[in-house]
């Protein structure tokens, strides 16, 4: 081994200094490799990077558009819900008002019917009372005439005189019953 070092030292070659041809071949290979990388590989990477960037940005834009659409749909749904609630409240209030109006009309009709029935009853009672008074006057008149005839001892056959006696008798009875009622 000592001999190889001595032979190399005698040849004048320094092992620390590289051969010029090796440097040139290495530089030439590096330049060719750099040309291929810059000409073909880097554009392919840039194209792929641009495509991925566009896809990501497009996806983000689509997501933002979908989010905006969903937000608009949600706002529209909320507005429709609010409109439906407002409409339901309006219908409910109209139904209440209509029910109250119908109830008032029914009460009014019932009151009118009650008043009509009461008036008919009062008219009927007055007619029956008048019939009863007339019938009673006739009976009382007959009885009073007979009684007066028995007391006086003669028959009171004069109808005009009998009617006056009966009227006077009934007037006296009415005044006595009015005085007793007070």
Protein backbone atom coordinates (compact mmCIF):
# COMPACT_ATOMS: atom_id res chain seq x y z
CA UNK A 1 0.00 0.00 0.00
CA UNK A 2 2.82 2.30 0.68
CA UNK A 3 3.99 1.58 -2.77
CA UNK A 4 0.77 2.86 -4.45
CA UNK A 5 0.95 6.10 -2.57
CA UNK A 6 4.53 6.47 -3.59
CA UNK A 7 3.69 5.71 -7.24
CA UNK A 8 0.87 8.21 -7.23
CA UNK A 9 3.12 10.80 -5.64
CA UNK A 10 5.71 10.23 -8.27
CA UNK A 11 3.20 10.68 -11.03
CA UNK A 12 2.49 14.18 -9.81
CA UNK A 13 -1.23 13.70 -9.25
CA UNK A 14 -2.71 15.17 -6.18
CA UNK A 15 -5.63 13.10 -4.87
CA UNK A 16 -7.32 16.18 -3.47
CA UNK A 17 -7.62 17.91 -6.86
CA UNK A 18 -10.22 16.30 -9.20
CA UNK A 19 -9.63 15.56 -12.83
CA UNK A 20 -10.83 18.32 -15.22
CA UNK A 21 -12.52 15.87 -17.60
CA UNK A 22 -14.54 14.42 -14.77
CA UNK A 23 -15.70 17.88 -13.78
CA UNK A 24 -16.74 18.68 -17.37
CA UNK A 25 -18.65 15.41 -17.84
CA UNK A 26 -20.39 15.86 -14.51
CA UNK A 27 -21.30 19.47 -15.33
CA UNK A 28 -22.54 18.43 -18.78
CA UNK A 29 -24.72 15.65 -17.24
CA UNK A 30 -26.00 18.06 -14.66
CA UNK A 31 -26.85 20.66 -17.35
CA UNK A 32 -28.70 18.03 -19.45
CA UNK A 33 -30.57 16.81 -16.39
CA UNK A 34 -31.37 20.42 -15.41
CA UNK A 35 -32.62 21.13 -18.98
CA UNK A 36 -34.93 18.09 -18.88
CA UNK A 37 -36.24 19.00 -15.43
CA UNK A 38 -36.84 22.66 -16.36
CA UNK A 39 -38.28 21.87 -19.84
CA UNK A 40 -40.55 18.88 -18.98
CA UNK A 41 -40.85 18.11 -15.29
CA UNK A 42 -41.35 21.59 -13.82
CA UNK A 43 -44.15 22.51 -16.32
CA UNK A 44 -45.90 19.22 -15.55
CA UNK A 45 -45.68 19.96 -11.83
CA UNK A 46 -46.85 23.54 -12.41
CA UNK A 47 -49.77 22.30 -14.53
CA UNK A 48 -50.78 19.76 -11.87
CA UNK A 49 -50.39 22.40 -9.17
CA UNK A 50 -52.55 24.87 -11.17
CA UNK A 51 -55.20 22.19 -11.77
CA UNK A 52 -55.30 21.30 -8.10
CA UNK A 53 -55.44 24.97 -7.15
CA UNK A 54 -58.32 25.54 -9.57
CA UNK A 55 -60.10 22.42 -8.31
CA UNK A 56 -59.70 23.51 -4.70
CA UNK A 57 -60.76 27.09 -5.46
CA UNK A 58 -63.65 25.78 -7.58
CA UNK A 59 -64.67 23.48 -4.75
CA UNK A 60 -64.48 26.36 -2.31
CA UNK A 61 -66.53 28.53 -4.68
CA UNK A 62 -69.07 25.73 -5.11
CA UNK A 63 -69.21 25.27 -1.35
CA UNK A 64 -69.67 29.01 -0.86
CA UNK A 65 -72.38 29.05 -3.55
CA UNK A 66 -74.09 26.06 -1.94
CA UNK A 67 -73.81 27.75 1.45
CA UNK A 68 -75.29 30.96 0.05
CA UNK A 69 -78.08 28.98 -1.64
CA UNK A 70 -78.78 27.08 1.58
CA UNK A 71 -78.80 30.34 3.50
CA UNK A 72 -81.19 31.88 0.98
CA UNK A 73 -83.43 28.80 1.17
CA UNK A 74 -83.36 29.01 4.97
CA UNK A 75 -84.29 32.70 4.86
CA UNK A 76 -87.09 31.94 2.39
CA UNK A 77 -88.32 29.09 4.62
CA UNK A 78 -88.28 31.37 7.65
CA UNK A 79 -90.19 34.04 5.71
CA UNK A 80 -92.75 31.48 4.52
CA UNK A 81 -93.10 30.19 8.08
CA UNK A 82 -93.60 33.73 9.34
CA UNK A 83 -96.14 34.40 6.59
CA UNK A 84 -97.96 31.15 7.41
CA UNK A 85 -98.08 32.04 11.10
CA UNK A 86 -99.31 35.54 10.30
CA UNK A 87 -101.97 34.11 7.98
CA UNK A 88 -103.01 31.55 10.61
CA UNK A 89 -103.32 34.29 13.23
CA UNK A 90 -105.35 36.43 10.82
CA UNK A 91 -107.67 33.52 10.01
CA UNK A 92 -108.02 32.69 13.70
CA UNK A 93 -108.90 36.31 14.51
CA UNK A 94 -111.38 36.44 11.63
CA UNK A 95 -112.98 33.22 12.90
CA UNK A 96 -113.20 34.65 16.41
CA UNK A 97 -114.74 37.86 15.14
CA UNK A 98 -117.14 35.93 12.92
CA UNK A 99 -118.05 33.66 15.84
CA UNK A 100 -118.67 36.66 18.07
CA UNK A 101 -120.79 38.26 15.34
CA UNK A 102 -122.81 35.06 14.87
CA UNK A 103 -123.23 34.78 18.64
CA UNK A 104 -124.39 38.40 18.83
CA UNK A 105 -126.81 37.83 15.95
CA UNK A 106 -128.17 34.69 17.63
CA UNK A 107 -128.60 36.56 20.93
CA UNK A 108 -130.32 39.39 19.09
CA UNK A 109 -132.63 36.94 17.30
CA UNK A 110 -133.33 35.14 20.58
CA UNK A 111 -134.13 38.45 22.29
CA UNK A 112 -136.39 39.48 19.41
CA UNK A 113 -138.13 36.09 19.44
CA UNK A 114 -138.49 36.30 23.22
CA UNK A 115 -139.98 39.79 22.93
CA UNK A 116 -142.35 38.62 20.18
CA UNK A 117 -143.44 35.60 22.25
CA UNK A 118 -143.89 37.85 25.31
CA UNK A 119 -145.97 40.32 23.30
CA UNK A 120 -148.09 37.49 21.91
CA UNK A 121 -148.53 36.09 25.42
CA UNK A 122 -149.47 39.54 26.77
CA UNK A 123 -151.96 40.04 23.94
CA UNK A 124 -153.38 36.58 24.53
CA UNK A 125 -153.55 37.16 28.29
CA UNK A 126 -155.24 40.52 27.74
CA UNK A 127 -157.74 38.90 25.37
CA UNK A 128 -158.41 36.07 27.82
CA UNK A 129 -158.69 38.56 30.66
CA UNK A 130 -161.14 40.65 28.64
CA UNK A 131 -163.12 37.50 27.82
CA UNK A 132 -163.06 36.49 31.49
CA UNK A 133 -164.15 40.00 32.58
CA UNK A 134 -166.96 39.98 30.01
CA UNK A 135 -168.05 36.52 31.06
CA UNK A 136 -167.79 37.46 34.73
CA UNK A 137 -169.79 40.67 34.16
CA UNK A 138 -172.51 38.68 32.47
CA UNK A 139 -172.63 36.13 35.26
CA UNK A 140 -172.30 38.74 38.02
CA UNK A 141 -174.90 40.88 36.25
CA UNK A 142 -177.33 38.00 36.11
CA UNK A 143 -176.67 37.06 39.71
CA UNK A 144 -176.87 40.70 40.88
CA UNK A 145 -180.13 41.20 39.03
CA UNK A 146 -181.61 38.07 40.54
CA UNK A 147 -180.32 39.00 43.98
CA UNK A 148 -181.56 42.57 43.69
CA UNK A 149 -184.89 41.24 42.47
CA UNK A 150 -185.16 38.97 45.49
CA UNK A 151 -184.16 41.73 47.90
CA UNK A 152 -186.51 44.30 46.42
CA UNK A 153 -189.13 41.70 45.87
CA UNK A 154 -189.80 42.49 42.27
CA UNK A 155 -188.20 41.35 39.08
CA UNK A 156 -185.76 43.65 37.38
CA UNK A 157 -186.38 42.79 33.79
CA UNK A 158 -185.33 46.13 32.30
CA UNK A 159 -181.97 45.41 30.66
CA UNK A 160 -180.75 49.01 30.71
CA UNK A 161 -181.45 49.39 34.38
CA UNK A 162 -179.93 45.98 35.09
CA UNK A 163 -176.79 46.92 33.19
CA UNK A 164 -176.45 50.17 35.20
CA UNK A 165 -176.87 48.29 38.46
CA UNK A 166 -174.27 45.73 37.42
CA UNK A 167 -171.80 48.39 36.29
CA UNK A 168 -172.22 50.30 39.54
CA UNK A 169 -171.75 47.10 41.52
CA UNK A 170 -168.57 46.14 39.64
CA UNK A 171 -167.19 49.69 39.97
CA UNK A 172 -167.73 49.49 43.71
CA UNK A 173 -165.94 46.13 43.83
CA UNK A 174 -162.99 47.46 41.81
CA UNK A 175 -162.62 50.52 44.03
CA UNK A 176 -162.73 48.33 47.13
CA UNK A 177 -160.08 45.92 45.72
CA UNK A 178 -157.85 48.87 44.65
CA UNK A 179 -158.14 50.38 48.15
CA UNK A 180 -157.28 47.02 49.73
CA UNK A 181 -154.25 46.54 47.44
CA UNK A 182 -152.74 49.84 48.58
